[in-house]
Amino acid sequence: MRRSRWGRKIGRLAAAAVSATVVAAAAAEPSLTVIAGGRTAIYTAAGLLTLPTATTVTIPVDAVYATSVSFRAVPIAILLAGTAPDSEVRFLSGERVVSTQPAAPLLAQGAGALAYLAVESADAPWPPLKATGPATAGPFHLVWVKADKSMMTPALWPMQITRIEEVQPLAKRYPMILPASSVSPNHPIRAGFTAFQKHCMSCHTLNGGGDSTIGPDLNIPYNATEYLRPEALRRLIRDPQSLRRWPGSKMPGFDTKTLPDREMAELLAYLRHMADRKVAPPVAK
């Protein structure tokens, strides 16, 4: 009897240990929170890959890996069902905002560029981003099928995503980044504002407005056009390390495929315009 009772007790302890291991493994599995279309959903990587819409996509040149990569992925439009086309979608890695994009292109399902959420599975890990460490672009990475050259900015290909949120457009949330209302709709400054949102706001604020503070504010206390000659500022944007060498810098270079010369000129026109539209920074307490 004593041996039997001990046997049953050991069996219960073993079962509890197995159960705890399973729970711990489930808790460790990467998850994605999506807040969009008036609802909140939490997905695991394994759960996403069981969706009927899961498929394999091959990206000829991934903006993060800079080479051809095949991923298991789901159309992001499925996850964003109910999202207003005139809203924006914010991607976060932990607590850090890594990208804010217009919703309409992400929801598109026509013949043009299509957005997919690539999902890294435990049994098929992706290549490391650097030879010096194991970190990959996973567990979730936004990729584009049939992307054209203008879409190759890394800000449109956020990686290591843990959370996706539908939000109001940046211009509504941060009116301090808007050009003057007197600027005509077809003026280069307006086009430069669009370029600024596309290429710069994933890292910078302007007049204190923006979701990310990876880089410095581009207007206060001084606008970049006020302390750099135009050619030096162009060089900084094209290849930051060629102007000021800083091993810890995270700013990527924007080549002419990612940021054509005309778009560069429009961006600089917007920045010059905003130098005269400073918003006083908050007083430090």
Protein backbone atom coordinates (compact mmCIF):
# COMPACT_ATOMS: atom_id res chain seq x y z
CA MET A 1 0.00 0.00 0.00
CA ARG A 2 2.77 2.41 0.91
CA ARG A 3 4.54 1.74 -2.37
CA SER A 4 1.26 2.20 -4.23
CA ARG A 5 0.56 5.54 -2.58
CA TRP A 6 4.08 6.73 -3.36
CA GLY A 7 3.67 5.53 -6.92
CA ARG A 8 0.47 7.50 -7.32
CA LYS A 9 2.08 10.59 -5.77
CA ILE A 10 5.10 10.37 -8.08
CA GLY A 11 2.75 9.93 -11.03
CA ARG A 12 0.85 13.09 -10.07
CA LEU A 13 4.08 15.04 -9.66
CA ALA A 14 5.32 13.84 -13.05
CA ALA A 15 2.01 14.80 -14.68
CA ALA A 16 2.18 18.24 -13.05
CA ALA A 17 5.75 18.71 -14.28
CA VAL A 18 4.74 17.79 -17.83
CA SER A 19 1.76 20.13 -17.64
CA ALA A 20 3.96 22.97 -16.37
CA THR A 21 6.41 22.35 -19.21
CA VAL A 22 3.62 22.52 -21.80
CA VAL A 23 2.23 25.73 -20.29
CA ALA A 24 5.72 27.29 -20.22
CA ALA A 25 6.33 26.32 -23.85
CA ALA A 26 2.98 27.79 -24.90
CA ALA A 27 3.74 30.98 -22.98
CA ALA A 28 7.12 31.24 -24.69
CA GLU A 29 5.65 30.97 -28.18
CA PRO A 30 5.74 34.35 -29.96
CA SER A 31 2.40 36.11 -30.11
CA LEU A 32 1.02 39.05 -32.06
CA THR A 33 -1.61 41.50 -30.81
CA VAL A 34 -3.76 43.17 -33.47
CA ILE A 35 -6.04 46.07 -32.53
CA ALA A 36 -7.97 47.03 -35.64
CA GLY A 37 -11.48 47.22 -37.01
CA GLY A 38 -12.88 47.81 -33.55
CA ARG A 39 -11.60 44.56 -32.08
CA THR A 40 -8.53 43.09 -30.39
CA ALA A 41 -7.10 39.70 -31.36
CA ILE A 42 -4.05 37.79 -30.18
CA TYR A 43 -2.43 35.28 -32.52
CA THR A 44 0.39 32.81 -32.01
CA ALA A 45 2.79 32.08 -34.83
CA ALA A 46 1.50 28.52 -35.06
CA GLY A 47 -2.09 29.74 -35.11
CA LEU A 48 -1.45 32.15 -37.96
CA LEU A 49 0.18 29.43 -40.02
CA THR A 50 -2.94 27.26 -39.71
CA LEU A 51 -5.17 29.91 -41.30
CA PRO A 52 -6.60 28.89 -44.70
CA THR A 53 -5.02 32.00 -46.24
CA ALA A 54 -1.48 31.05 -45.12
CA THR A 55 0.78 30.63 -48.12
CA THR A 56 4.40 30.77 -49.25
CA VAL A 57 5.62 34.04 -50.75
CA THR A 58 9.00 34.60 -52.38
CA ILE A 59 10.36 38.13 -52.15
CA PRO A 60 13.01 38.81 -54.85
CA VAL A 61 14.71 41.46 -52.71
CA ASP A 62 13.59 41.77 -49.11
CA ALA A 63 14.29 45.29 -47.84
CA VAL A 64 15.63 43.94 -44.53
CA TYR A 65 17.66 40.96 -45.74
CA ALA A 66 18.64 42.61 -49.06
CA THR A 67 18.33 39.28 -50.85
CA SER A 68 15.71 36.83 -52.09
CA VAL A 69 13.83 35.13 -49.25
CA SER A 70 10.82 32.81 -49.12
CA PHE A 71 8.44 33.11 -46.18
CA ARG A 72 5.31 31.45 -44.88
CA ALA A 73 2.90 34.34 -44.62
CA VAL A 74 -0.71 35.51 -44.41
CA PRO A 75 -2.25 38.51 -46.22
CA ILE A 76 -2.23 41.32 -43.72
CA ALA A 77 -5.56 42.56 -45.07
CA ILE A 78 -7.13 39.50 -43.40
CA LEU A 79 -5.80 40.56 -40.00
CA LEU A 80 -6.87 44.17 -40.57
CA ALA A 81 -10.46 43.36 -41.60
CA GLY A 82 -12.73 46.29 -40.74
CA THR A 83 -9.91 48.84 -40.72
CA ALA A 84 -10.91 52.20 -42.21
CA PRO A 85 -8.99 52.80 -45.48
CA ASP A 86 -8.34 56.44 -44.51
CA SER A 87 -6.78 55.49 -41.17
CA GLU A 88 -3.19 54.44 -40.52
CA VAL A 89 -1.60 51.30 -39.11
CA ARG A 90 1.13 51.41 -36.50
CA PHE A 91 3.61 48.54 -36.05
CA LEU A 92 5.41 48.05 -32.75
CA SER A 93 8.32 45.91 -31.61
CA GLY A 94 7.84 45.65 -27.88
CA GLU A 95 7.07 49.21 -26.77
CA ARG A 96 8.92 50.80 -29.69
CA VAL A 97 7.03 52.06 -32.74
CA VAL A 98 8.90 50.84 -35.82
CA SER A 99 6.56 51.98 -38.59
CA THR A 100 3.32 53.90 -39.19
CA GLN A 101 1.75 53.46 -42.63
CA PRO A 102 -1.42 54.44 -44.48
CA ALA A 103 -3.98 51.67 -44.19
CA ALA A 104 -5.17 51.71 -47.80
CA PRO A 105 -2.08 50.06 -49.38
CA LEU A 106 -2.06 47.42 -46.65
CA LEU A 107 -5.70 46.58 -47.35
CA ALA A 108 -5.29 46.49 -51.15
CA GLN A 109 -6.02 43.15 -52.80
CA GLY A 110 -5.78 44.10 -56.48
CA ALA A 111 -3.10 43.69 -59.12
CA GLY A 112 -0.52 45.97 -57.50
CA ALA A 113 1.73 45.53 -54.48
CA LEU A 114 0.30 43.18 -51.85
CA ALA A 115 1.22 43.23 -48.16
CA TYR A 116 1.82 40.01 -46.25
CA LEU A 117 2.73 39.29 -42.68
CA ALA A 118 5.60 36.81 -42.77
CA VAL A 119 5.53 34.39 -39.85
CA GLU A 120 8.64 32.69 -38.48
CA SER A 121 7.95 29.18 -37.23
CA ALA A 122 9.98 27.44 -34.54
CA ASP A 123 10.89 24.55 -36.83
CA ALA A 124 12.01 26.79 -39.73
CA PRO A 125 13.90 29.78 -38.29
CA TRP A 126 14.91 32.60 -40.61
CA PRO A 127 18.50 33.64 -41.31
CA PRO A 128 20.11 35.88 -38.67
CA LEU A 129 20.26 39.56 -39.49
CA LYS A 130 23.93 39.75 -38.59
CA ALA A 131 26.75 37.24 -38.47
CA THR A 132 27.50 38.40 -34.93
CA GLY A 133 24.20 37.29 -33.36
CA PRO A 134 21.18 35.00 -33.69
CA ALA A 135 18.48 37.70 -34.00
CA THR A 136 16.27 37.40 -37.08
CA ALA A 137 13.58 39.62 -38.59
CA GLY A 138 10.99 37.51 -36.78
CA PRO A 139 8.79 36.53 -35.23
CA PHE A 140 6.66 38.66 -37.58
CA HIS A 141 7.83 40.78 -40.50
CA LEU A 142 5.83 42.84 -43.01
CA VAL A 143 6.77 42.04 -46.61
CA TRP A 144 5.48 43.16 -49.98
CA VAL A 145 4.83 41.06 -53.06
CA LYS A 146 5.27 42.92 -56.36
CA ALA A 147 6.83 45.91 -54.63
CA ASP A 148 8.24 48.58 -56.92
CA LYS A 149 11.48 50.50 -56.36
CA SER A 150 9.75 53.32 -54.49
CA MET A 151 8.58 50.85 -51.84
CA MET A 152 12.00 49.58 -50.83
CA THR A 153 12.44 51.89 -47.84
CA PRO A 154 12.94 49.78 -44.68
CA ALA A 155 10.21 51.82 -42.94
CA LEU A 156 7.65 49.98 -45.09
CA TRP A 157 9.09 46.56 -44.13
CA PRO A 158 8.97 46.57 -40.31
CA MET A 159 10.46 43.54 -38.59
CA GLN A 160 10.34 41.89 -35.15
CA ILE A 161 6.71 42.99 -34.88
CA THR A 162 4.80 42.17 -31.71
CA ARG A 163 1.80 44.50 -32.01
CA ILE A 164 -0.26 46.10 -34.80
CA GLU A 165 -2.69 48.98 -34.14
CA GLU A 166 -5.15 50.96 -36.22
CA VAL A 167 -4.70 54.67 -35.45
CA GLN A 168 -5.78 58.04 -36.79
CA PRO A 169 -3.51 59.57 -39.46
CA LEU A 170 -0.33 61.21 -38.20
CA ALA A 171 -1.46 64.62 -39.45
CA LYS A 172 -4.57 64.43 -37.25
CA ARG A 173 -2.70 63.23 -34.20
CA TYR A 174 0.23 65.60 -34.70
CA PRO A 175 -0.95 68.77 -36.50
CA MET A 176 2.38 70.44 -35.68
CA ILE A 177 4.01 68.50 -38.56
CA LEU A 178 1.67 69.96 -41.21
CA PRO A 179 2.84 72.52 -43.78
CA ALA A 180 1.12 75.90 -43.73
CA SER A 181 -2.45 75.83 -44.99
CA SER A 182 -1.46 78.45 -47.60
CA VAL A 183 0.75 75.89 -49.43
CA SER A 184 -1.13 74.72 -52.52
CA PRO A 185 -2.01 71.00 -52.87
CA ASN A 186 0.33 70.47 -55.83
CA HIS A 187 3.31 72.34 -54.36
CA PRO A 188 6.58 70.39 -53.92
CA ILE A 189 6.37 71.08 -50.19
CA ARG A 190 3.22 68.94 -50.01
CA ALA A 191 5.00 66.13 -51.85
CA GLY A 192 7.93 66.58 -49.45
CA PHE A 193 5.58 66.19 -46.50
CA THR A 194 4.45 62.87 -47.96
CA ALA A 195 8.09 61.83 -48.38
CA PHE A 196 8.82 62.86 -44.79
CA GLN A 197 6.03 60.63 -43.47
CA LYS A 198 7.19 57.74 -45.64
CA HIS A 199 10.93 57.86 -44.99
CA CYS A 200 11.58 59.81 -41.78
CA MET A 201 8.80 59.41 -39.25
CA SER A 202 9.63 55.83 -38.38
CA CYS A 203 12.65 57.25 -36.49
CA HIS A 204 12.19 61.01 -36.03
CA THR A 205 9.75 63.53 -34.64
CA LEU A 206 9.23 67.05 -35.98
CA ASN A 207 8.15 69.86 -33.68
CA GLY A 208 7.81 67.13 -31.07
CA GLY A 209 5.15 65.35 -33.12
CA GLY A 210 5.53 61.69 -34.07
CA ASP A 211 5.44 58.15 -32.73
CA SER A 212 9.16 57.37 -32.65
CA THR A 213 12.15 58.96 -30.95
CA ILE A 214 14.93 56.71 -32.24
CA GLY A 215 16.52 59.74 -33.92
CA PRO A 216 16.54 63.44 -32.98
CA ASP A 217 13.73 65.88 -33.66
CA LEU A 218 14.24 67.42 -37.09
CA ASN A 219 12.97 70.93 -36.33
CA ILE A 220 13.58 71.83 -32.70
CA PRO A 221 15.70 73.38 -31.48
CA TYR A 222 17.17 73.63 -35.00
CA ASN A 223 16.09 72.31 -38.36
CA ALA A 224 18.70 70.25 -40.22
CA THR A 225 18.58 72.77 -43.10
CA GLU A 226 19.73 75.49 -40.68
CA TYR A 227 23.07 73.93 -39.80
CA LEU A 228 23.94 71.80 -42.85
CA ARG A 229 24.59 73.02 -46.36
CA PRO A 230 22.19 71.46 -48.91
CA GLU A 231 24.87 69.20 -50.38
CA ALA A 232 26.01 68.04 -46.94
CA LEU A 233 22.42 67.25 -45.94
CA ARG A 234 21.92 65.24 -49.14
CA ARG A 235 25.12 63.33 -48.38
CA LEU A 236 23.94 62.63 -44.83
CA ILE A 237 20.66 61.19 -46.13
CA ARG A 238 22.32 59.13 -48.88
CA ASP A 239 25.12 57.75 -46.68
CA PRO A 240 25.15 58.94 -43.05
CA GLN A 241 28.60 57.47 -42.30
CA SER A 242 30.16 59.42 -45.17
CA LEU A 243 29.39 62.71 -43.43
CA ARG A 244 29.90 61.88 -39.76
CA ARG A 245 31.30 58.55 -38.69
CA TRP A 246 29.48 57.13 -35.71
CA PRO A 247 29.67 53.38 -35.06
CA GLY A 248 26.47 53.44 -32.97
CA SER A 249 24.39 55.20 -35.62
CA LYS A 250 21.21 53.39 -36.64
CA MET A 251 20.28 55.67 -39.53
CA PRO A 252 20.18 53.79 -42.85
CA GLY A 253 21.29 55.32 -46.11
CA PHE A 254 18.65 56.14 -48.72
CA ASP A 255 19.90 55.40 -52.23
CA THR A 256 18.34 56.81 -55.39
CA LYS A 257 16.13 53.74 -55.81
CA THR A 258 14.61 54.20 -52.40
CA LEU A 259 14.59 58.01 -52.47
CA PRO A 260 14.87 59.39 -56.03
CA ASP A 261 16.54 62.77 -56.52
CA ARG A 262 13.21 64.50 -57.18
CA GLU A 263 11.71 63.13 -53.97
CA MET A 264 14.87 64.17 -52.11
CA ALA A 265 14.43 67.74 -53.39
CA GLU A 266 10.79 67.73 -52.27
CA LEU A 267 11.74 66.42 -48.84
CA LEU A 268 14.32 69.19 -48.39
CA ALA A 269 11.75 71.77 -49.52
CA TYR A 270 9.41 70.56 -46.78
CA LEU A 271 12.16 70.68 -44.14
CA ARG A 272 13.19 74.22 -45.17
CA HIS A 273 9.53 75.27 -45.00
CA MET A 274 9.11 73.80 -41.51
CA ALA A 275 12.18 75.68 -40.22
CA ASP A 276 9.91 78.75 -40.13
CA ARG A 277 7.12 76.83 -38.39
CA LYS A 278 8.77 75.82 -35.13
CA VAL A 279 6.70 74.83 -32.13
CA ALA A 280 8.24 75.80 -28.80
CA PRO A 281 9.52 72.68 -27.01
CA PRO A 282 8.00 71.91 -23.59
CA VAL A 283 9.76 73.43 -20.61
CA ALA A 284 11.85 70.83 -18.77
CA LYS A 285 10.72 70.27 -15.18
